[in-house]
Amino acid sequence: MKKLMGLTLTMILAVMLAGCVADTTTQNVTSTTITTTGSNTTTQTTINATESTTATESHDPVTITYAAWNLGSVDNLNLERLMLDAFEDRYPWITVEVVERPKVPDTTGTSEVDQNWNEFLAARATRGMLPDVYFTDSTETIIMNNWARNMADIAYDDPEFMNISADIREAANYGGKLMALPYAVYYFGYYINKDIFDLANSDAPVFDDTFAEFLLKIQDVANHNVSNGTGTGGVVGIDRMLEWYPSQLSDDLGWFTYDGNQVHLDGAEFEATLDLYQDLMTETGYIVDAMAPEDQLAAFGTSNTWEASQLAAFWNYTPIIGSMTEYDFDVDFIGTPGTADTHKIPVVLDLMGISSQTDHPEEAYLLAKWMSFGKEGYQKRIEFSTSDDYEDLDPLNMTPLQPDKDLLDAFFGIYDTFVELRKVVEYDDYIIEPNKYVPGYIKARWTRPYNVALVMDDVFNYVRDGSLNYAEIKVQWNQFANEELTNAKAAVLAKLGVSEE
């Protein structure tokens, strides 16, 4: 009878364990002291040894679904898919299922394109199949549709999450509810062709330059006054100034004069920036944007001045950093120059939502962390990116989200010539492009009708190029923008059941 009971118990345990996956860790004991006592002596002998002890923790198998717009094709080698495979290796009780975005007919009906991202999420949500972890281009959308889980209870207990710069980690915090997690930060600013400055025996722009100092250095090497195609372009990309430069004139302002609650399009900082921009657009001697296309072609012989090593400073952002290593000239990235009093770096922030429908929030958070800000996951990115086995991977273009020296050293081990970029990354004073996390910003900046003929983006463009009189429209323009921001924020906070921040 005892044998039968024992056999039955063994079978029950076997069935239970079959539903669990073991996580094992090995601890090493490096020294042991043995005491022996003889007839008149006591001897202590220390021996060096390694003893492996295994601690086993069992987990129920879990499946997490994941959707992102940077996964590429299933058939092509992709760093993100390698990271998902590595996550399953690291956490063997968790299976990751990629939810592929479907193709839909394009507007002509002759070919297929990726389905609109939010339509894709909406279709999944309607069926109760929203991915556990997913990219989002609008926290307003995922909040108002009840798609997002508040992650404050998990994230704020994680020291690695709390190690992220506060303005980045708190971007999607609404009244104490954390409705999205940071995936990556990409920096806006100027790439510098250092060879042009070396050949001219001039100092290249650096991160610490003010905007005035930056422009003087550009003037020193620019040569627009030729017509045989041998000229050197000064700077391309001052048209974004109205979005980032006002914040360099006031500590209180962020991207597009946003102060955390409203914009100040009728303020002195925006007006000063507009005046500066319009003055620069008369400087055809070193501002490439100010030149007519035919004059550019005559001076430089090409429309691809950067690729031809005929441009000193080129506005773009850091996702393209991998391509910058392919040129035969020395490149660095200085971000955006500030003023003597204020210096802020504009960034793009990608965000991930955790599904309100998930049954596994802890595991979903673990996956999101691995793919984004977690140190262990980022080290795996570095490993893949530097491995000879994966030479065809697209270059790593995400700087670490944590200000961790090990991670920064690893990233800049790949991009070792980008000395100024490291200063940008370590500076920790950002203005974040608002469209993904500020409710109402897309309407305030682009889509709200201004009148029967114009939307807000038209107003921005016409004010910038002088087609609209700024002094006549600035008050109403600012009022319309802030109406959208105020109403959308109130709706989001009401939806979340929190009071005004």
Protein backbone atom coordinates (compact mmCIF):
# COMPACT_ATOMS: atom_id res chain seq x y z
CA MET A 1 0.00 0.00 0.00
CA LYS A 2 2.84 2.40 0.88
CA LYS A 3 4.53 1.57 -2.44
CA LEU A 4 1.31 2.29 -4.33
CA MET A 5 0.83 5.65 -2.55
CA GLY A 6 4.43 6.58 -3.27
CA LEU A 7 4.07 5.74 -6.94
CA THR A 8 0.86 7.76 -7.19
CA LEU A 9 2.49 10.79 -5.52
CA THR A 10 5.43 10.56 -7.93
CA MET A 11 3.10 10.54 -10.92
CA ILE A 12 1.19 13.59 -9.61
CA LEU A 13 4.42 15.52 -9.09
CA ALA A 14 5.61 14.61 -12.59
CA VAL A 15 2.42 15.95 -14.12
CA MET A 16 2.70 19.16 -12.11
CA LEU A 17 6.32 19.73 -13.09
CA ALA A 18 5.56 19.11 -16.74
CA GLY A 19 3.63 22.37 -16.72
CA CYS A 20 6.59 24.33 -15.30
CA VAL A 21 9.93 25.44 -16.67
CA ALA A 22 12.92 25.65 -14.40
CA ASP A 23 15.11 28.72 -14.10
CA THR A 24 18.47 27.58 -12.74
CA THR A 25 21.36 29.65 -11.48
CA THR A 26 24.79 28.46 -10.41
CA GLN A 27 26.63 29.82 -7.39
CA ASN A 28 30.37 29.31 -6.99
CA VAL A 29 32.09 28.67 -3.65
CA THR A 30 35.70 29.68 -4.12
CA SER A 31 37.27 28.72 -0.80
CA THR A 32 36.63 26.30 2.06
CA THR A 33 38.33 26.12 5.45
CA ILE A 34 38.73 22.65 7.01
CA THR A 35 39.76 22.25 10.65
CA THR A 36 41.39 19.00 11.83
CA THR A 37 42.51 18.19 15.35
CA GLY A 38 45.52 15.93 15.99
CA SER A 39 46.85 14.60 19.31
CA ASN A 40 48.46 17.93 20.32
CA THR A 41 47.81 20.28 17.31
CA THR A 42 44.94 21.93 15.49
CA THR A 43 45.50 22.58 11.80
CA GLN A 44 43.41 24.88 9.59
CA THR A 45 43.80 24.30 5.87
CA THR A 46 42.16 26.57 3.27
CA ILE A 47 41.66 24.96 -0.08
CA ASN A 48 40.54 26.74 -3.25
CA ALA A 49 37.74 24.92 -4.91
CA THR A 50 34.70 25.56 -7.00
CA GLU A 51 31.48 23.98 -5.91
CA SER A 52 28.43 24.39 -8.06
CA THR A 53 25.10 24.68 -6.31
CA THR A 54 21.95 25.08 -8.31
CA ALA A 55 18.94 27.06 -7.15
CA THR A 56 15.85 26.13 -9.11
CA GLU A 57 12.80 28.35 -9.46
CA SER A 58 9.84 27.01 -11.40
CA HIS A 59 7.61 29.09 -13.63
CA ASP A 60 4.37 28.33 -15.40
CA PRO A 61 4.78 28.64 -19.19
CA VAL A 62 3.62 32.01 -20.48
CA THR A 63 3.05 33.31 -24.01
CA ILE A 64 3.48 37.02 -24.71
CA THR A 65 2.39 38.63 -27.97
CA TYR A 66 4.45 41.47 -29.44
CA ALA A 67 3.86 44.00 -32.23
CA ALA A 68 6.34 46.59 -33.48
CA TRP A 69 6.84 48.53 -36.69
CA ASN A 70 10.59 47.87 -36.86
CA LEU A 71 10.55 44.08 -37.22
CA GLY A 72 11.14 43.99 -40.95
CA SER A 73 10.25 40.94 -42.99
CA VAL A 74 10.12 37.48 -41.45
CA ASP A 75 12.46 36.31 -44.19
CA ASN A 76 15.18 38.90 -43.57
CA LEU A 77 17.74 38.98 -40.77
CA ASN A 78 16.66 41.63 -38.29
CA LEU A 79 18.15 42.72 -34.97
CA GLU A 80 14.74 43.03 -33.34
CA ARG A 81 13.80 39.44 -34.15
CA LEU A 82 17.19 38.25 -32.91
CA MET A 83 16.49 40.10 -29.68
CA LEU A 84 13.14 38.33 -29.32
CA ASP A 85 14.80 34.95 -29.84
CA ALA A 86 17.44 35.85 -27.26
CA PHE A 87 14.73 36.85 -24.80
CA GLU A 88 13.20 33.38 -25.08
CA ASP A 89 16.62 31.86 -24.44
CA ARG A 90 17.10 34.04 -21.39
CA TYR A 91 13.59 33.38 -20.04
CA PRO A 92 12.78 29.86 -21.27
CA TRP A 93 9.33 29.76 -19.69
CA ILE A 94 8.20 32.73 -21.83
CA THR A 95 7.28 32.28 -25.48
CA VAL A 96 7.06 35.40 -27.65
CA GLU A 97 4.61 35.41 -30.54
CA VAL A 98 5.09 38.22 -33.05
CA VAL A 99 1.83 39.72 -34.28
CA GLU A 100 2.52 40.67 -37.88
CA ARG A 101 0.83 43.77 -39.25
CA PRO A 102 -1.31 42.77 -42.24
CA LYS A 103 -1.07 44.20 -45.72
CA VAL A 104 -4.01 46.07 -47.21
CA PRO A 105 -4.69 47.45 -50.71
CA ASP A 106 -3.24 50.89 -51.38
CA THR A 107 -5.36 53.81 -52.54
CA THR A 108 -4.98 52.79 -56.17
CA GLY A 109 -5.94 49.18 -55.53
CA THR A 110 -2.96 48.01 -57.57
CA SER A 111 -0.58 47.09 -54.77
CA GLU A 112 -0.43 46.48 -51.02
CA VAL A 113 0.85 48.55 -48.11
CA ASP A 114 1.09 48.01 -44.37
CA GLN A 115 -2.21 48.58 -42.60
CA ASN A 116 -2.44 51.84 -40.65
CA TRP A 117 -0.91 51.14 -37.24
CA ASN A 118 -3.84 52.27 -35.10
CA GLU A 119 -6.34 50.53 -37.36
CA PHE A 120 -4.27 47.38 -36.90
CA LEU A 121 -4.37 47.75 -33.10
CA ALA A 122 -8.09 48.58 -33.13
CA ALA A 123 -8.93 45.44 -35.08
CA ARG A 124 -6.98 43.33 -32.59
CA ALA A 125 -8.50 45.09 -29.58
CA THR A 126 -12.04 44.55 -30.85
CA ARG A 127 -11.42 40.80 -30.85
CA GLY A 128 -9.81 40.89 -27.40
CA MET A 129 -6.44 40.10 -29.00
CA LEU A 130 -4.49 43.32 -28.46
CA PRO A 131 -0.77 42.47 -28.37
CA ASP A 132 0.60 42.27 -24.83
CA VAL A 133 3.43 44.63 -25.81
CA TYR A 134 3.12 47.00 -28.76
CA PHE A 135 4.59 50.19 -30.20
CA THR A 136 2.42 53.28 -30.09
CA ASP A 137 2.60 56.55 -32.00
CA SER A 138 -0.02 58.20 -29.76
CA THR A 139 -0.57 57.67 -26.06
CA GLU A 140 -3.74 59.74 -26.44
CA THR A 141 -5.10 57.11 -28.81
CA ILE A 142 -4.30 54.11 -26.63
CA ILE A 143 -5.66 55.81 -23.51
CA MET A 144 -8.92 57.00 -25.04
CA ASN A 145 -9.52 53.54 -26.54
CA ASN A 146 -8.79 51.71 -23.26
CA TRP A 147 -5.89 49.85 -24.84
CA ALA A 148 -3.18 50.63 -22.27
CA ARG A 149 -2.46 49.29 -18.80
CA ASN A 150 -1.10 51.61 -16.12
CA MET A 151 2.41 50.27 -15.41
CA ALA A 152 3.25 52.44 -12.40
CA ASP A 153 2.88 49.52 -9.99
CA ILE A 154 5.64 47.58 -11.77
CA ALA A 155 7.93 50.15 -13.36
CA TYR A 156 8.44 52.38 -10.34
CA ASP A 157 9.71 49.42 -8.32
CA ASP A 158 12.41 48.75 -10.93
CA PRO A 159 15.74 50.52 -10.22
CA GLU A 160 16.69 50.30 -13.89
CA PHE A 161 13.55 52.13 -14.95
CA MET A 162 14.17 54.76 -12.30
CA ASN A 163 17.71 55.19 -13.67
CA ILE A 164 16.33 56.64 -16.92
CA SER A 165 16.37 60.43 -17.19
CA ALA A 166 13.18 61.71 -15.54
CA ASP A 167 11.91 63.67 -18.55
CA ILE A 168 12.15 60.52 -20.68
CA ARG A 169 10.71 58.01 -18.23
CA GLU A 170 7.87 60.33 -17.14
CA ALA A 171 6.79 61.47 -20.62
CA ALA A 172 3.76 59.16 -20.54
CA ASN A 173 2.85 59.79 -16.89
CA TYR A 174 -0.62 61.30 -16.61
CA GLY A 175 -1.63 62.21 -13.09
CA GLY A 176 0.52 59.45 -11.63
CA LYS A 177 -0.55 56.80 -14.13
CA LEU A 178 2.24 55.50 -16.37
CA MET A 179 0.54 54.62 -19.64
CA ALA A 180 3.55 53.80 -21.85
CA LEU A 181 7.21 52.88 -21.50
CA PRO A 182 10.17 54.40 -23.37
CA TYR A 183 11.57 52.24 -26.15
CA ALA A 184 14.25 54.47 -27.64
CA VAL A 185 15.45 58.07 -27.89
CA TYR A 186 16.80 59.55 -31.11
CA TYR A 187 18.56 62.91 -31.20
CA PHE A 188 17.96 65.79 -33.60
CA GLY A 189 20.81 68.03 -34.65
CA TYR A 190 23.71 68.60 -37.00
CA TYR A 191 26.14 66.10 -38.44
CA ILE A 192 29.50 67.72 -39.11
CA ASN A 193 31.92 66.87 -41.93
CA LYS A 194 35.14 67.34 -39.95
CA ASP A 195 37.36 66.85 -43.01
CA ILE A 196 36.10 70.11 -44.50
CA PHE A 197 37.24 72.01 -41.42
CA ASP A 198 40.56 70.17 -41.23
CA LEU A 199 41.34 70.99 -44.87
CA ALA A 200 40.50 74.64 -44.24
CA ASN A 201 42.60 74.63 -41.06
CA SER A 202 39.51 75.76 -39.15
CA ASP A 203 37.92 74.64 -35.92
CA ALA A 204 34.99 72.29 -36.44
CA PRO A 205 31.74 72.96 -34.56
CA VAL A 206 31.42 71.14 -31.23
CA PHE A 207 28.67 70.34 -28.80
CA ASP A 208 29.46 73.28 -26.50
CA ASP A 209 29.18 75.93 -29.22
CA THR A 210 26.39 78.46 -29.09
CA PHE A 211 24.31 78.79 -32.22
CA ALA A 212 26.09 82.06 -33.04
CA GLU A 213 29.49 80.35 -32.69
CA PHE A 214 28.27 77.45 -34.82
CA LEU A 215 27.21 79.79 -37.62
CA LEU A 216 30.54 81.65 -37.55
CA LYS A 217 32.43 78.38 -37.95
CA ILE A 218 30.18 77.43 -40.86
CA GLN A 219 30.75 80.80 -42.52
CA ASP A 220 34.50 80.29 -42.26
CA VAL A 221 34.52 77.23 -44.53
CA ALA A 222 31.51 77.77 -46.82
CA ASN A 223 32.14 78.67 -50.45
CA HIS A 224 28.92 79.30 -52.34
CA ASN A 225 30.26 81.94 -54.72
CA VAL A 226 31.37 79.68 -57.55
CA SER A 227 29.52 78.36 -60.56
CA ASN A 228 31.73 75.46 -61.62
CA GLY A 229 30.44 72.87 -59.12
CA THR A 230 33.49 72.98 -56.83
CA GLY A 231 31.91 74.95 -53.99
CA THR A 232 31.49 73.93 -50.36
CA GLY A 233 28.06 74.17 -48.79
CA GLY A 234 27.72 75.66 -45.32
CA VAL A 235 24.63 74.29 -43.60
CA VAL A 236 21.46 72.51 -44.69
CA GLY A 237 18.47 72.30 -42.38
CA ILE A 238 17.59 75.51 -40.62
CA ASP A 239 13.90 75.16 -41.50
CA ARG A 240 13.24 73.28 -38.23
CA MET A 241 14.44 76.25 -36.13
CA LEU A 242 10.95 77.43 -35.25
CA GLU A 243 10.39 74.16 -33.44
CA TRP A 244 13.58 73.83 -31.38
CA TYR A 245 15.30 77.21 -31.13
CA PRO A 246 12.71 79.07 -28.95
CA SER A 247 13.57 76.68 -26.12
CA GLN A 248 17.19 77.90 -26.26
CA LEU A 249 15.90 81.37 -25.36
CA SER A 250 13.97 80.32 -22.25
CA ASP A 251 14.36 77.60 -19.64
CA ASP A 252 10.57 77.37 -19.45
CA LEU A 253 10.00 76.26 -23.05
CA GLY A 254 10.29 72.92 -24.78
CA TRP A 255 9.65 71.75 -28.34
CA PHE A 256 7.52 74.19 -30.37
CA THR A 257 7.32 76.50 -27.29
CA TYR A 258 5.42 73.82 -25.31
CA ASP A 259 5.86 74.37 -21.56
CA GLY A 260 4.20 71.19 -20.31
CA ASN A 261 0.69 72.61 -20.53
CA GLN A 262 0.44 75.01 -23.44
CA VAL A 263 2.37 76.52 -26.33
CA HIS A 264 3.51 80.14 -26.63
CA LEU A 265 3.34 80.83 -30.35
CA ASP A 266 2.62 84.49 -29.62
CA GLY A 267 5.60 84.82 -27.28
CA ALA A 268 8.82 86.81 -27.57
CA GLU A 269 10.95 83.65 -28.00
CA PHE A 270 9.01 82.43 -31.01
CA GLU A 271 9.02 85.89 -32.57
CA ALA A 272 12.78 86.25 -32.06
CA THR A 273 13.34 82.85 -33.65
CA LEU A 274 11.14 83.73 -36.60
CA ASP A 275 13.10 86.96 -37.14
CA LEU A 276 16.42 85.08 -36.93
CA TYR A 277 15.24 82.41 -39.36
CA GLN A 278 14.04 84.95 -41.90
CA ASP A 279 17.34 86.84 -41.63
CA LEU A 280 19.30 83.63 -42.20
CA MET A 281 17.23 82.89 -45.27
CA THR A 282 18.83 85.93 -46.88
CA GLU A 283 22.37 84.63 -46.18
CA THR A 284 23.05 82.86 -49.47
CA GLY A 285 26.79 82.84 -48.78
CA TYR A 286 26.64 80.02 -46.21
CA ILE A 287 23.00 78.89 -45.74
CA VAL A 288 22.28 76.35 -48.46
CA ASP A 289 18.53 76.52 -47.72
CA ALA A 290 18.61 80.20 -48.75
CA MET A 291 19.88 79.42 -52.25
CA ALA A 292 17.66 78.77 -55.25
CA PRO A 293 17.90 75.16 -56.51
CA GLU A 294 19.58 76.23 -59.74
CA ASP A 295 22.17 78.23 -57.80
CA GLN A 296 22.88 75.22 -55.60
CA LEU A 297 23.45 73.03 -58.63
CA ALA A 298 25.78 75.58 -60.19
CA ALA A 299 27.81 76.02 -57.01
CA PHE A 300 28.12 72.37 -55.99
CA GLY A 301 27.48 70.40 -59.17
CA THR A 302 25.15 68.04 -57.28
CA SER A 303 22.04 68.00 -55.14
CA ASN A 304 23.69 65.42 -52.84
CA THR A 305 26.22 67.75 -51.27
CA TRP A 306 26.56 65.72 -48.06
CA GLU A 307 27.31 62.45 -49.82
CA ALA A 308 29.76 64.26 -52.11
CA SER A 309 31.64 65.70 -49.09
CA GLN A 310 30.71 69.23 -50.14
CA LEU A 311 28.62 70.17 -47.11
CA ALA A 312 29.91 71.25 -43.69
CA ALA A 313 26.79 70.72 -41.55
CA PHE A 314 23.77 68.54 -42.24
CA TRP A 315 20.56 68.53 -40.16
CA ASN A 316 19.13 65.08 -39.44
CA TYR A 317 18.69 62.70 -36.54
CA THR A 318 20.59 59.76 -35.10
CA PRO A 319 18.69 56.76 -36.54
CA ILE A 320 20.82 57.25 -39.67
CA ILE A 321 24.10 57.14 -37.72
CA GLY A 322 25.08 53.77 -39.21
CA SER A 323 25.16 55.23 -42.71
CA MET A 324 27.48 57.99 -41.50
CA THR A 325 30.28 55.48 -41.00
CA GLU A 326 30.18 54.49 -44.66
CA TYR A 327 31.52 57.78 -46.02
CA ASP A 328 35.20 58.39 -46.66
CA PHE A 329 35.18 61.57 -44.57
CA ASP A 330 35.21 62.01 -40.79
CA VAL A 331 31.77 62.66 -39.29
CA ASP A 332 30.57 63.68 -35.84
CA PHE A 333 27.21 64.79 -34.41
CA ILE A 334 26.85 67.88 -32.20
CA GLY A 335 23.10 68.01 -31.57
CA THR A 336 21.59 71.50 -31.64
CA PRO A 337 23.68 74.45 -30.44
CA GLY A 338 22.12 76.56 -27.70
CA THR A 339 22.75 80.03 -26.33
CA ALA A 340 25.06 81.30 -23.60
CA ASP A 341 22.26 80.77 -21.06
CA THR A 342 20.34 77.72 -22.26
CA HIS A 343 21.20 74.55 -24.15
CA LYS A 344 18.65 71.82 -24.76
CA ILE A 345 18.75 68.89 -27.17
CA PRO A 346 15.58 67.99 -29.15
CA VAL A 347 14.80 64.29 -29.26
CA VAL A 348 12.28 61.86 -30.70
CA LEU A 349 10.90 59.37 -28.19
CA ASP A 350 9.51 56.00 -29.25
CA LEU A 351 7.07 54.42 -26.79
CA MET A 352 5.62 50.99 -26.03
CA GLY A 353 2.24 50.24 -24.57
CA ILE A 354 1.38 47.30 -22.34
CA SER A 355 -2.04 45.94 -23.22
CA SER A 356 -5.01 46.52 -20.93
CA GLN A 357 -6.08 43.02 -22.01
CA THR A 358 -2.89 41.26 -20.93
CA ASP A 359 -3.04 38.42 -18.43
CA HIS A 360 0.69 38.65 -17.81
CA PRO A 361 1.74 42.23 -16.99
CA GLU A 362 4.96 41.22 -15.22
CA GLU A 363 6.18 39.15 -18.15
CA ALA A 364 5.04 41.83 -20.62
CA TYR A 365 7.06 44.40 -18.69
CA LEU A 366 10.05 42.06 -18.68
CA LEU A 367 9.89 41.80 -22.48
CA ALA A 368 9.43 45.55 -22.97
CA LYS A 369 12.41 46.23 -20.71
CA TRP A 370 14.59 43.69 -22.55
CA MET A 371 13.81 45.32 -25.89
CA SER A 372 14.44 48.87 -24.69
CA PHE A 373 16.04 50.24 -21.52
CA GLY A 374 17.18 47.11 -19.68
CA LYS A 375 20.93 46.78 -19.30
CA GLU A 376 21.04 43.04 -19.98
CA GLY A 377 18.97 43.39 -23.13
CA TYR A 378 21.05 46.28 -24.42
CA GLN A 379 24.23 44.29 -23.87
CA LYS A 380 22.71 41.57 -26.03
CA ARG A 381 22.07 44.21 -28.74
CA ILE A 382 25.73 45.13 -28.61
CA GLU A 383 26.71 41.47 -28.80
CA PHE A 384 24.65 40.91 -31.93
CA SER A 385 25.77 44.18 -33.50
CA THR A 386 29.47 43.42 -33.08
CA SER A 387 29.36 39.72 -33.93
CA ASP A 388 31.01 38.46 -37.10
CA ASP A 389 28.10 36.05 -37.40
CA TYR A 390 25.67 38.90 -38.14
CA GLU A 391 27.57 41.21 -40.47
CA ASP A 392 24.46 41.85 -42.59
CA LEU A 393 22.46 43.36 -39.72
CA ASP A 394 21.44 46.99 -39.98
CA PRO A 395 23.73 49.07 -37.75
CA LEU A 396 22.77 49.68 -34.14
CA ASN A 397 21.19 53.14 -33.98
CA MET A 398 19.77 53.23 -30.43
CA THR A 399 21.89 54.88 -27.78
CA PRO A 400 21.42 53.48 -24.25
CA LEU A 401 18.44 54.86 -22.36
CA GLN A 402 20.17 54.41 -19.04
CA PRO A 403 23.17 56.66 -18.27
CA ASP A 404 25.27 53.56 -17.64
CA LYS A 405 29.01 53.77 -18.33
CA ASP A 406 29.26 50.12 -19.41
CA LEU A 407 26.52 50.61 -21.98
CA LEU A 408 27.85 53.94 -23.21
CA ASP A 409 31.35 52.50 -23.56
CA ALA A 410 29.93 49.59 -25.55
CA PHE A 411 27.92 51.83 -27.91
CA PHE A 412 30.81 54.21 -28.47
CA GLY A 413 33.09 51.26 -28.98
CA ILE A 414 31.15 50.88 -32.23
CA TYR A 415 31.00 54.62 -32.97
CA ASP A 416 34.37 55.55 -31.54
CA THR A 417 34.87 58.66 -33.71
CA PHE A 418 31.64 60.30 -32.50
CA VAL A 419 33.22 62.20 -29.64
CA GLU A 420 30.72 65.06 -29.67
CA LEU A 421 27.73 62.70 -29.84
CA ARG A 422 28.79 61.16 -26.54
CA LYS A 423 28.59 64.63 -24.99
CA VAL A 424 25.06 64.96 -26.38
CA VAL A 425 23.98 61.63 -24.92
CA GLU A 426 25.51 62.31 -21.52
CA TYR A 427 24.20 65.88 -21.30
CA ASP A 428 20.73 64.95 -20.00
CA ASP A 429 18.74 68.07 -20.87
CA TYR A 430 16.23 67.26 -23.57
CA ILE A 431 13.16 68.68 -25.23
CA ILE A 432 10.97 65.86 -26.51
CA GLU A 433 9.03 66.11 -29.75
CA PRO A 434 5.47 66.04 -28.36
CA ASN A 435 3.39 64.29 -31.02
CA LYS A 436 3.57 60.80 -29.49
CA TYR A 437 2.83 61.68 -25.88
CA VAL A 438 1.16 65.12 -25.60
CA PRO A 439 -2.63 64.87 -26.02
CA GLY A 440 -3.94 67.24 -28.66
CA TYR A 441 -0.55 68.12 -30.12
CA ILE A 442 -1.16 66.61 -33.56
CA LYS A 443 -4.24 68.79 -34.00
CA ALA A 444 -2.55 71.83 -32.45
CA ARG A 445 0.49 71.54 -34.68
CA TRP A 446 -0.87 70.11 -37.93
CA THR A 447 -4.49 69.17 -38.54
CA ARG A 448 -6.96 71.54 -36.84
CA PRO A 449 -8.69 73.83 -39.33
CA TYR A 450 -7.57 77.45 -38.90
CA ASN A 451 -10.13 78.78 -41.33
CA VAL A 452 -12.01 77.45 -44.34
CA ALA A 453 -8.82 77.41 -46.42
CA LEU A 454 -6.02 76.56 -44.00
CA VAL A 455 -5.09 74.00 -41.37
CA MET A 456 -2.59 74.67 -38.60
CA ASP A 457 0.38 73.29 -40.52
CA ASP A 458 -0.37 75.65 -43.39
CA VAL A 459 -0.26 78.54 -40.92
CA PHE A 460 3.11 77.39 -39.62
CA ASN A 461 4.59 77.14 -43.11
CA TYR A 462 3.15 80.44 -44.33
CA VAL A 463 4.29 82.30 -41.22
CA ARG A 464 7.75 80.86 -41.62
CA ASP A 465 8.13 81.88 -45.24
CA GLY A 466 6.47 85.28 -44.72
CA SER A 467 3.29 84.59 -46.69
CA LEU A 468 1.19 85.27 -43.59
CA ASN A 469 1.71 88.29 -41.36
CA TYR A 470 2.73 86.82 -38.02
CA ALA A 471 1.73 89.90 -36.05
CA GLU A 472 -1.82 89.71 -37.38
CA ILE A 473 -2.48 86.02 -36.76
CA LYS A 474 -0.29 85.08 -33.78
CA VAL A 475 -2.92 85.53 -31.04
CA GLN A 476 -5.59 83.46 -32.75
CA TRP A 477 -3.07 80.83 -33.88
CA ASN A 478 -1.85 80.43 -30.32
CA GLN A 479 -5.41 80.37 -28.99
CA PHE A 480 -6.49 77.62 -31.39
CA ALA A 481 -3.44 75.49 -30.58
CA ASN A 482 -3.98 75.77 -26.84
CA GLU A 483 -7.67 74.96 -27.14
CA GLU A 484 -6.70 71.61 -28.66
CA LEU A 485 -4.06 70.92 -26.01
CA THR A 486 -6.34 71.89 -23.11
CA ASN A 487 -9.35 69.92 -24.29
CA ALA A 488 -7.38 66.79 -25.15
CA LYS A 489 -5.50 66.79 -21.86
CA ALA A 490 -8.75 67.19 -19.91
CA ALA A 491 -10.28 64.29 -21.82
CA VAL A 492 -7.29 62.02 -21.15
CA LEU A 493 -7.21 62.83 -17.43
CA ALA A 494 -10.97 62.29 -17.19
CA LYS A 495 -10.64 58.96 -18.98
CA LEU A 496 -7.96 57.90 -16.50
CA GLY A 497 -9.97 59.19 -13.55
CA VAL A 498 -7.25 61.51 -12.29
CA SER A 499 -7.37 65.18 -11.39
CA GLU A 500 -5.64 68.00 -13.26
CA GLU A 501 -1.86 67.74 -12.86
